[in-house]
Amino acid sequence: MRFTCRKATYEDLPRLAEIEQKSVSGGYYLVDCFDEFMDPARGELVVGVDENGVPQGFGHLALLYDGSAWLECLRVDPASQKMGCGAAMWERFIAFCKEKNCSHLGMFTGAKNYPSRVLAERNGLHLDYTSREGSLTREDAPQVALPQGWTQLTDPAAIEEAMLPHQKDYEGYFCLNRTYMRCNGKLYEGLARDHQVWVKDGSIVILGARFLPERALFIGFAAGELEECAAFAVAKYNETGLPKLTCICSAQNAELMAALEKQGFTFPSELIVLERDF
């Protein structure tokens, strides 16, 4: 069977939602993000169609702060997997990045999702970062007094200065909503504009969400006095009433995970990041 690709249309949504339901067991977000995914200023929603023009897969390429692209929500109907749909979409993903002069393309997948990793590597991506994902639910969140003395930063230069000494603990990455971004000037500008950066005596906590802020609050970065950072993050989370607090960090950052585990976090998921420079 031969597959081709095109941009998504609003008429595709019912079929694409069906594909998502069939291909993954939870973590559905296509419907809630569809308007954003359809915005050409934010990227491109690629649809793989069969010889009859029926969608069999899709993936969204998001344009990030720094001119890079991020591949997300990649789904293929199980009936069309390993038949060429994914390969056809990957051709479009690479072409899109070249058309937009993206500096690099990144994606994440589960550490044990070998088919996804193999297909990415066939298209020039390489393993760059291994991380752990942990979370705390509303029911399990402890009631923590808000530590005092924290101040908010809104200046990109000040944010860079605060993050720089600790970037090695994150291997140069920052992560919200399973979107991994390299630490650079454009990121600091975006954080100043869109997220909450808090500091105290050399410690830093960054809280926010790249999309779907009503679903969860993310700890994008936490470093310094880690037990106080963890307490601060949980206390700020308790103010929101959101269902979940999530943190993704380097798999080597055992001290941060231990501090968060004292607040009730568990870290069951290992995720890997693959990238290709252009």
C-alpha atoms as a PDB file:
ATOM      1  CA  MET A   1       0.000   0.000   0.000  1.00  0.00           C
ATOM      2  CA  ARG A   2       1.233   3.507  -0.842  1.00  0.00           C
ATOM      3  CA  PHE A   3       0.814   6.368   1.626  1.00  0.00           C
ATOM      4  CA  THR A   4       1.009  10.096   0.966  1.00  0.00           C
ATOM      5  CA  CYS A   5       0.879  13.118   3.264  1.00  0.00           C
ATOM      6  CA  ARG A   6      -1.030  16.388   3.434  1.00  0.00           C
ATOM      7  CA  LYS A   7      -1.919  19.072   5.929  1.00  0.00           C
ATOM      8  CA  ALA A   8      -4.822  18.313   8.234  1.00  0.00           C
ATOM      9  CA  THR A   9      -8.240  19.892   7.791  1.00  0.00           C
ATOM     10  CA  TYR A  10     -10.952  20.405  10.366  1.00  0.00           C
ATOM     11  CA  GLU A  11     -12.967  17.689   8.637  1.00  0.00           C
ATOM     12  CA  ASP A  12     -10.223  15.214   9.628  1.00  0.00           C
ATOM     13  CA  LEU A  13     -10.774  15.598  13.357  1.00  0.00           C
ATOM     14  CA  PRO A  14     -13.229  12.704  13.944  1.00  0.00           C
ATOM     15  CA  ARG A  15     -10.991  10.239  12.101  1.00  0.00           C
ATOM     16  CA  LEU A  16      -7.810  11.526  13.748  1.00  0.00           C
ATOM     17  CA  ALA A  17      -9.410  11.283  17.183  1.00  0.00           C
ATOM     18  CA  GLU A  18     -10.363   7.697  16.343  1.00  0.00           C
ATOM     19  CA  ILE A  19      -6.748   6.931  15.394  1.00  0.00           C
ATOM     20  CA  GLU A  20      -5.521   8.376  18.679  1.00  0.00           C
ATOM     21  CA  GLN A  21      -7.968   6.265  20.668  1.00  0.00           C
ATOM     22  CA  LYS A  22      -6.836   3.128  18.829  1.00  0.00           C
ATOM     23  CA  SER A  23      -3.102   3.741  18.923  1.00  0.00           C
ATOM     24  CA  VAL A  24      -2.397   4.816  22.516  1.00  0.00           C
ATOM     25  CA  SER A  25      -3.845   3.828  25.882  1.00  0.00           C
ATOM     26  CA  GLY A  26      -4.396   7.166  27.588  1.00  0.00           C
ATOM     27  CA  GLY A  27      -2.832  10.585  27.398  1.00  0.00           C
ATOM     28  CA  TYR A  28      -5.257  11.751  24.715  1.00  0.00           C
ATOM     29  CA  TYR A  29      -4.867  15.419  23.832  1.00  0.00           C
ATOM     30  CA  LEU A  30      -5.442  15.844  20.088  1.00  0.00           C
ATOM     31  CA  VAL A  31      -9.015  17.124  20.440  1.00  0.00           C
ATOM     32  CA  ASP A  32      -8.145  19.681  23.108  1.00  0.00           C
ATOM     33  CA  CYS A  33      -5.115  20.935  21.145  1.00  0.00           C
ATOM     34  CA  PHE A  34      -6.612  20.750  17.659  1.00  0.00           C
ATOM     35  CA  ASP A  35      -7.107  24.498  17.149  1.00  0.00           C
ATOM     36  CA  GLU A  36      -3.515  25.124  18.236  1.00  0.00           C
ATOM     37  CA  PHE A  37      -2.250  22.323  15.997  1.00  0.00           C
ATOM     38  CA  MET A  38      -4.098  23.842  13.042  1.00  0.00           C
ATOM     39  CA  ASP A  39      -2.446  27.250  13.476  1.00  0.00           C
ATOM     40  CA  PRO A  40       0.256  27.527  10.760  1.00  0.00           C
ATOM     41  CA  ALA A  41       2.174  30.034  12.866  1.00  0.00           C
ATOM     42  CA  ARG A  42       2.674  27.307  15.479  1.00  0.00           C
ATOM     43  CA  GLY A  43       3.661  24.500  13.105  1.00  0.00           C
ATOM     44  CA  GLU A  44       1.985  21.899  10.916  1.00  0.00           C
ATOM     45  CA  LEU A  45      -0.345  18.967  11.577  1.00  0.00           C
ATOM     46  CA  VAL A  46       0.690  16.298   9.078  1.00  0.00           C
ATOM     47  CA  VAL A  47      -1.759  13.564   8.055  1.00  0.00           C
ATOM     48  CA  GLY A  48      -0.738  10.302   6.393  1.00  0.00           C
ATOM     49  CA  VAL A  49      -3.440   8.982   4.047  1.00  0.00           C
ATOM     50  CA  ASP A  50      -3.810   5.659   2.246  1.00  0.00           C
ATOM     51  CA  GLU A  51      -4.524   5.095  -1.447  1.00  0.00           C
ATOM     52  CA  ASN A  52      -8.209   5.807  -0.820  1.00  0.00           C
ATOM     53  CA  GLY A  53      -7.474   9.137   0.840  1.00  0.00           C
ATOM     54  CA  VAL A  54      -8.416   7.871   4.310  1.00  0.00           C
ATOM     55  CA  PRO A  55      -6.208   9.189   7.164  1.00  0.00           C
ATOM     56  CA  GLN A  56      -4.194   6.432   8.804  1.00  0.00           C
ATOM     57  CA  GLY A  57      -1.775   8.496  10.874  1.00  0.00           C
ATOM     58  CA  PHE A  58      -0.797  11.986  11.954  1.00  0.00           C
ATOM     59  CA  GLY A  59       1.810  13.989  13.817  1.00  0.00           C
ATOM     60  CA  HIS A  60       2.223  17.620  14.802  1.00  0.00           C
ATOM     61  CA  LEU A  61       5.408  19.573  14.200  1.00  0.00           C
ATOM     62  CA  ALA A  62       5.548  22.479  16.642  1.00  0.00           C
ATOM     63  CA  LEU A  63       7.791  25.488  16.115  1.00  0.00           C
ATOM     64  CA  LEU A  64       9.508  26.333  19.401  1.00  0.00           C
ATOM     65  CA  TYR A  65      11.024  29.508  20.851  1.00  0.00           C
ATOM     66  CA  ASP A  66      14.454  29.025  19.344  1.00  0.00           C
ATOM     67  CA  GLY A  67      13.496  28.178  15.753  1.00  0.00           C
ATOM     68  CA  SER A  68      13.654  24.429  16.308  1.00  0.00           C
ATOM     69  CA  ALA A  69      10.854  21.956  15.584  1.00  0.00           C
ATOM     70  CA  TRP A  70       9.330  19.478  18.013  1.00  0.00           C
ATOM     71  CA  LEU A  71       7.476  16.369  16.845  1.00  0.00           C
ATOM     72  CA  GLU A  72       4.527  15.512  19.074  1.00  0.00           C
ATOM     73  CA  CYS A  73       1.279  13.550  19.098  1.00  0.00           C
ATOM     74  CA  LEU A  74       2.601  11.055  16.538  1.00  0.00           C
ATOM     75  CA  ARG A  75      -0.053   8.408  15.987  1.00  0.00           C
ATOM     76  CA  VAL A  76      -0.614   5.618  13.425  1.00  0.00           C
ATOM     77  CA  ASP A  77      -3.680   3.393  13.271  1.00  0.00           C
ATOM     78  CA  PRO A  78      -2.565  -0.081  14.436  1.00  0.00           C
ATOM     79  CA  ALA A  79      -3.988  -1.552  11.230  1.00  0.00           C
ATOM     80  CA  SER A  80      -1.530   0.557   9.205  1.00  0.00           C
ATOM     81  CA  GLN A  81       1.547   0.264  11.358  1.00  0.00           C
ATOM     82  CA  LYS A  82       4.703  -1.150   9.741  1.00  0.00           C
ATOM     83  CA  MET A  83       3.154  -0.643   6.301  1.00  0.00           C
ATOM     84  CA  GLY A  84       4.787   2.646   5.323  1.00  0.00           C
ATOM     85  CA  CYS A  85       2.501   5.286   6.815  1.00  0.00           C
ATOM     86  CA  GLY A  86       5.057   6.350   9.413  1.00  0.00           C
ATOM     87  CA  ALA A  87       7.843   6.441   6.835  1.00  0.00           C
ATOM     88  CA  ALA A  88       5.775   8.660   4.546  1.00  0.00           C
ATOM     89  CA  MET A  89       5.040  11.095   7.369  1.00  0.00           C
ATOM     90  CA  TRP A  90       8.692  11.230   8.334  1.00  0.00           C
ATOM     91  CA  GLU A  91       9.546  12.382   4.817  1.00  0.00           C
ATOM     92  CA  ARG A  92       7.204  15.319   5.346  1.00  0.00           C
ATOM     93  CA  PHE A  93       8.555  16.035   8.840  1.00  0.00           C
ATOM     94  CA  ILE A  94      12.094  16.397   7.501  1.00  0.00           C
ATOM     95  CA  ALA A  95      10.953  18.460   4.502  1.00  0.00           C
ATOM     96  CA  PHE A  96       9.002  20.809   6.794  1.00  0.00           C
ATOM     97  CA  CYS A  97      12.054  21.431   8.973  1.00  0.00           C
ATOM     98  CA  LYS A  98      14.141  22.278   5.939  1.00  0.00           C
ATOM     99  CA  GLU A  99      11.442  24.587   4.537  1.00  0.00           C
ATOM    100  CA  LYS A 100      11.247  26.472   7.846  1.00  0.00           C
ATOM    101  CA  ASN A 101      15.020  26.561   8.298  1.00  0.00           C
ATOM    102  CA  CYS A 102      14.691  24.882  11.681  1.00  0.00           C
ATOM    103  CA  SER A 103      17.920  24.619  13.628  1.00  0.00           C
ATOM    104  CA  HIS A 104      17.055  21.111  14.780  1.00  0.00           C
ATOM    105  CA  LEU A 105      14.226  18.606  15.180  1.00  0.00           C
ATOM    106  CA  GLY A 106      13.484  16.847  18.454  1.00  0.00           C
ATOM    107  CA  MET A 107      11.055  14.282  19.787  1.00  0.00           C
ATOM    108  CA  PHE A 108      10.607  12.071  22.838  1.00  0.00           C
ATOM    109  CA  THR A 109       9.516   8.497  23.185  1.00  0.00           C
ATOM    110  CA  GLY A 110       9.420   5.857  25.873  1.00  0.00           C
ATOM    111  CA  ALA A 111      12.736   4.183  26.584  1.00  0.00           C
ATOM    112  CA  LYS A 112      11.217   0.825  25.569  1.00  0.00           C
ATOM    113  CA  ASN A 113       9.428   2.082  22.448  1.00  0.00           C
ATOM    114  CA  TYR A 114      11.950   0.580  20.060  1.00  0.00           C
ATOM    115  CA  PRO A 115       9.888   0.899  16.842  1.00  0.00           C
ATOM    116  CA  SER A 116       9.508   4.660  17.366  1.00  0.00           C
ATOM    117  CA  ARG A 117      13.207   5.043  18.098  1.00  0.00           C
ATOM    118  CA  VAL A 118      14.274   2.966  15.085  1.00  0.00           C
ATOM    119  CA  LEU A 119      12.124   4.980  12.676  1.00  0.00           C
ATOM    120  CA  ALA A 120      13.478   8.239  14.076  1.00  0.00           C
ATOM    121  CA  GLU A 121      17.060   7.019  13.780  1.00  0.00           C
ATOM    122  CA  ARG A 122      16.451   6.006  10.166  1.00  0.00           C
ATOM    123  CA  ASN A 123      15.650   9.670   9.553  1.00  0.00           C
ATOM    124  CA  GLY A 124      18.852  10.968  11.044  1.00  0.00           C
ATOM    125  CA  LEU A 125      17.886  11.524  14.679  1.00  0.00           C
ATOM    126  CA  HIS A 126      20.115  10.309  17.476  1.00  0.00           C
ATOM    127  CA  LEU A 127      19.668   9.657  21.181  1.00  0.00           C
ATOM    128  CA  ASP A 128      20.593  12.799  23.088  1.00  0.00           C
ATOM    129  CA  TYR A 129      18.992  12.713  26.550  1.00  0.00           C
ATOM    130  CA  THR A 130      17.487  10.208  28.973  1.00  0.00           C
ATOM    131  CA  SER A 131      14.988  11.493  31.515  1.00  0.00           C
ATOM    132  CA  ARG A 132      12.619  10.379  34.238  1.00  0.00           C
ATOM    133  CA  GLU A 133       9.051  11.596  34.649  1.00  0.00           C
ATOM    134  CA  GLY A 134       7.368  11.819  38.026  1.00  0.00           C
ATOM    135  CA  SER A 135       4.067  13.157  39.219  1.00  0.00           C
ATOM    136  CA  LEU A 136       1.969  13.976  42.244  1.00  0.00           C
ATOM    137  CA  THR A 137      -1.829  13.830  42.172  1.00  0.00           C
ATOM    138  CA  ARG A 138      -4.212  16.159  43.960  1.00  0.00           C
ATOM    139  CA  GLU A 139      -5.291  13.375  46.354  1.00  0.00           C
ATOM    140  CA  ASP A 140      -1.718  12.620  47.407  1.00  0.00           C
ATOM    141  CA  ALA A 141      -0.339  16.146  47.612  1.00  0.00           C
ATOM    142  CA  PRO A 142       0.756  17.075  51.155  1.00  0.00           C
ATOM    143  CA  GLN A 143      -0.310  20.371  52.676  1.00  0.00           C
ATOM    144  CA  VAL A 144       2.946  22.299  52.665  1.00  0.00           C
ATOM    145  CA  ALA A 145       3.502  25.799  54.031  1.00  0.00           C
ATOM    146  CA  LEU A 146       4.739  28.136  51.328  1.00  0.00           C
ATOM    147  CA  PRO A 147       8.462  28.806  51.960  1.00  0.00           C
ATOM    148  CA  GLN A 148       9.135  32.515  52.270  1.00  0.00           C
ATOM    149  CA  GLY A 149      11.708  34.684  50.554  1.00  0.00           C
ATOM    150  CA  TRP A 150      11.137  33.579  46.958  1.00  0.00           C
ATOM    151  CA  THR A 151      10.943  36.281  44.279  1.00  0.00           C
ATOM    152  CA  GLN A 152       9.791  36.147  40.687  1.00  0.00           C
ATOM    153  CA  LEU A 153      12.068  36.905  37.717  1.00  0.00           C
ATOM    154  CA  THR A 154      10.783  38.455  34.510  1.00  0.00           C
ATOM    155  CA  ASP A 155      14.060  39.562  32.920  1.00  0.00           C
ATOM    156  CA  PRO A 156      15.667  37.136  30.402  1.00  0.00           C
ATOM    157  CA  ALA A 157      19.212  38.029  31.449  1.00  0.00           C
ATOM    158  CA  ALA A 158      18.391  37.422  35.103  1.00  0.00           C
ATOM    159  CA  ILE A 159      16.761  34.096  34.218  1.00  0.00           C
ATOM    160  CA  GLU A 160      19.848  33.016  32.276  1.00  0.00           C
ATOM    161  CA  GLU A 161      22.072  33.986  35.197  1.00  0.00           C
ATOM    162  CA  ALA A 162      19.902  31.979  37.604  1.00  0.00           C
ATOM    163  CA  MET A 163      19.691  28.872  35.388  1.00  0.00           C
ATOM    164  CA  LEU A 164      23.251  28.751  34.100  1.00  0.00           C
ATOM    165  CA  PRO A 165      24.997  27.292  37.192  1.00  0.00           C
ATOM    166  CA  HIS A 166      22.497  24.413  37.285  1.00  0.00           C
ATOM    167  CA  GLN A 167      22.092  23.507  33.615  1.00  0.00           C
ATOM    168  CA  LYS A 168      24.523  20.608  33.934  1.00  0.00           C
ATOM    169  CA  ASP A 169      21.968  18.908  36.212  1.00  0.00           C
ATOM    170  CA  TYR A 170      19.513  18.983  33.300  1.00  0.00           C
ATOM    171  CA  GLU A 171      22.174  18.301  30.648  1.00  0.00           C
ATOM    172  CA  GLY A 172      21.259  21.604  29.007  1.00  0.00           C
ATOM    173  CA  TYR A 173      17.512  20.971  28.668  1.00  0.00           C
ATOM    174  CA  PHE A 174      14.284  22.435  29.988  1.00  0.00           C
ATOM    175  CA  CYS A 175      11.027  20.473  29.806  1.00  0.00           C
ATOM    176  CA  LEU A 176       7.307  21.247  29.977  1.00  0.00           C
ATOM    177  CA  ASN A 177       4.511  18.964  28.730  1.00  0.00           C
ATOM    178  CA  ARG A 178       7.084  16.410  27.566  1.00  0.00           C
ATOM    179  CA  THR A 179       8.543  19.072  25.284  1.00  0.00           C
ATOM    180  CA  TYR A 180      12.309  19.280  25.685  1.00  0.00           C
ATOM    181  CA  MET A 181      13.910  22.618  24.823  1.00  0.00           C
ATOM    182  CA  ARG A 182      17.584  23.488  24.746  1.00  0.00           C
ATOM    183  CA  CYS A 183      18.664  26.197  27.171  1.00  0.00           C
ATOM    184  CA  ASN A 184      19.499  29.272  25.089  1.00  0.00           C
ATOM    185  CA  GLY A 185      18.671  32.954  24.712  1.00  0.00           C
ATOM    186  CA  LYS A 186      15.337  32.418  23.004  1.00  0.00           C
ATOM    187  CA  LEU A 187      14.247  30.077  25.777  1.00  0.00           C
ATOM    188  CA  TYR A 188      15.085  32.659  28.456  1.00  0.00           C
ATOM    189  CA  GLU A 189      13.021  35.240  26.574  1.00  0.00           C
ATOM    190  CA  GLY A 190      10.103  32.814  26.328  1.00  0.00           C
ATOM    191  CA  LEU A 191      10.281  31.905  30.003  1.00  0.00           C
ATOM    192  CA  ALA A 192      10.275  35.568  30.952  1.00  0.00           C
ATOM    193  CA  ARG A 193       7.180  36.094  28.845  1.00  0.00           C
ATOM    194  CA  ASP A 194       5.163  32.934  29.443  1.00  0.00           C
ATOM    195  CA  HIS A 195       6.128  31.096  32.622  1.00  0.00           C
ATOM    196  CA  GLN A 196       6.816  31.532  36.310  1.00  0.00           C
ATOM    197  CA  VAL A 197      10.471  31.705  37.311  1.00  0.00           C
ATOM    198  CA  TRP A 198      11.123  31.923  41.045  1.00  0.00           C
ATOM    199  CA  VAL A 199      14.469  32.321  42.815  1.00  0.00           C
ATOM    200  CA  LYS A 200      15.859  32.439  46.325  1.00  0.00           C
ATOM    201  CA  ASP A 201      19.514  32.593  47.415  1.00  0.00           C
ATOM    202  CA  GLY A 202      20.859  30.719  44.394  1.00  0.00           C
ATOM    203  CA  SER A 203      17.930  28.304  44.131  1.00  0.00           C
ATOM    204  CA  ILE A 204      15.495  28.357  41.218  1.00  0.00           C
ATOM    205  CA  VAL A 205      12.090  26.825  40.460  1.00  0.00           C
ATOM    206  CA  ILE A 206      10.284  27.232  37.127  1.00  0.00           C
ATOM    207  CA  LEU A 207       6.599  26.309  37.024  1.00  0.00           C
ATOM    208  CA  GLY A 208       4.216  26.352  34.071  1.00  0.00           C
ATOM    209  CA  ALA A 209       2.728  24.482  31.120  1.00  0.00           C
ATOM    210  CA  ARG A 210       3.393  24.730  27.404  1.00  0.00           C
ATOM    211  CA  PHE A 211      -0.219  23.802  26.608  1.00  0.00           C
ATOM    212  CA  LEU A 212      -3.334  22.462  28.371  1.00  0.00           C
ATOM    213  CA  PRO A 213      -2.604  24.357  31.603  1.00  0.00           C
ATOM    214  CA  GLU A 214      -5.900  23.131  33.023  1.00  0.00           C
ATOM    215  CA  ARG A 215      -4.620  19.549  33.147  1.00  0.00           C
ATOM    216  CA  ALA A 216      -1.372  19.863  35.085  1.00  0.00           C
ATOM    217  CA  LEU A 217       1.316  22.139  36.451  1.00  0.00           C
ATOM    218  CA  PHE A 218       4.885  21.265  35.445  1.00  0.00           C
ATOM    219  CA  ILE A 219       8.142  21.766  37.285  1.00  0.00           C
ATOM    220  CA  GLY A 220      10.289  22.675  34.313  1.00  0.00           C
ATOM    221  CA  PHE A 221      13.431  23.315  36.340  1.00  0.00           C
ATOM    222  CA  ALA A 222      14.376  23.062  40.004  1.00  0.00           C
ATOM    223  CA  ALA A 223      17.870  23.439  41.411  1.00  0.00           C
ATOM    224  CA  GLY A 224      19.750  24.652  44.473  1.00  0.00           C
ATOM    225  CA  GLU A 225      18.384  23.785  47.910  1.00  0.00           C
ATOM    226  CA  LEU A 226      16.330  20.936  46.517  1.00  0.00           C
ATOM    227  CA  GLU A 227      14.148  20.085  49.507  1.00  0.00           C
ATOM    228  CA  GLU A 228      13.015  23.709  49.757  1.00  0.00           C
ATOM    229  CA  CYS A 229      12.549  23.823  45.970  1.00  0.00           C
ATOM    230  CA  ALA A 230      10.321  20.761  46.189  1.00  0.00           C
ATOM    231  CA  ALA A 231       8.306  22.213  49.080  1.00  0.00           C
ATOM    232  CA  PHE A 232       7.901  25.508  47.224  1.00  0.00           C
ATOM    233  CA  ALA A 233       6.700  23.757  44.062  1.00  0.00           C
ATOM    234  CA  VAL A 234       4.147  21.661  45.961  1.00  0.00           C
ATOM    235  CA  ALA A 235       2.886  24.674  47.918  1.00  0.00           C
ATOM    236  CA  LYS A 236       2.432  26.688  44.698  1.00  0.00           C
ATOM    237  CA  TYR A 237       0.734  23.685  43.111  1.00  0.00           C
ATOM    238  CA  ASN A 238      -1.707  23.452  46.026  1.00  0.00           C
ATOM    239  CA  GLU A 239      -2.775  27.029  45.284  1.00  0.00           C
ATOM    240  CA  THR A 240      -3.875  26.029  41.767  1.00  0.00           C
ATOM    241  CA  GLY A 241      -6.317  23.211  42.471  1.00  0.00           C
ATOM    242  CA  LEU A 242      -5.046  21.387  39.363  1.00  0.00           C
ATOM    243  CA  PRO A 243      -5.273  17.575  39.228  1.00  0.00           C
ATOM    244  CA  LYS A 244      -1.558  16.860  38.818  1.00  0.00           C
ATOM    245  CA  LEU A 245       1.949  18.219  39.377  1.00  0.00           C
ATOM    246  CA  THR A 246       4.590  16.749  37.059  1.00  0.00           C
ATOM    247  CA  CYS A 247       8.367  16.943  36.833  1.00  0.00           C
ATOM    248  CA  ILE A 248      10.657  15.612  34.105  1.00  0.00           C
ATOM    249  CA  CYS A 249      14.369  15.697  34.827  1.00  0.00           C
ATOM    250  CA  SER A 250      17.610  14.014  33.863  1.00  0.00           C
ATOM    251  CA  ALA A 251      17.728  10.325  34.717  1.00  0.00           C
ATOM    252  CA  GLN A 252      20.992  11.165  36.486  1.00  0.00           C
ATOM    253  CA  ASN A 253      19.418  13.805  38.759  1.00  0.00           C
ATOM    254  CA  ALA A 254      18.913  11.488  41.715  1.00  0.00           C
ATOM    255  CA  GLU A 255      19.017  14.269  44.301  1.00  0.00           C
ATOM    256  CA  LEU A 256      16.068  16.138  42.774  1.00  0.00           C
ATOM    257  CA  MET A 257      14.027  12.963  42.447  1.00  0.00           C
ATOM    258  CA  ALA A 258      14.748  12.106  46.089  1.00  0.00           C
ATOM    259  CA  ALA A 259      13.617  15.565  47.242  1.00  0.00           C
ATOM    260  CA  LEU A 260      10.380  15.252  45.274  1.00  0.00           C
ATOM    261  CA  GLU A 261       9.781  11.695  46.464  1.00  0.00           C
ATOM    262  CA  LYS A 262       9.739  13.070  50.024  1.00  0.00           C
ATOM    263  CA  GLN A 263       6.750  15.159  48.895  1.00  0.00           C
ATOM    264  CA  GLY A 264       4.954  12.080  47.519  1.00  0.00           C
ATOM    265  CA  PHE A 265       6.217  11.953  43.928  1.00  0.00           C
ATOM    266  CA  THR A 266       6.779   8.679  42.095  1.00  0.00           C
ATOM    267  CA  PHE A 267       9.010   8.384  39.008  1.00  0.00           C
ATOM    268  CA  PRO A 268       7.835   5.339  37.018  1.00  0.00           C
ATOM    269  CA  SER A 269       8.527   6.540  33.472  1.00  0.00           C
ATOM    270  CA  GLU A 270      11.817   6.687  31.568  1.00  0.00           C
ATOM    271  CA  LEU A 271      11.711   8.871  28.469  1.00  0.00           C
ATOM    272  CA  ILE A 272      14.350   9.478  25.830  1.00  0.00           C
ATOM    273  CA  VAL A 273      14.942  12.466  23.568  1.00  0.00           C
ATOM    274  CA  LEU A 274      16.156  12.083  20.000  1.00  0.00           C
ATOM    275  CA  GLU A 275      17.356  15.021  17.899  1.00  0.00           C
ATOM    276  CA  ARG A 276      18.681  15.911  14.489  1.00  0.00           C
ATOM    277  CA  ASP A 277      20.515  19.130  13.654  1.00  0.00           C
ATOM    278  CA  PHE A 278      20.007  20.809  10.282  1.00  0.00           C
END
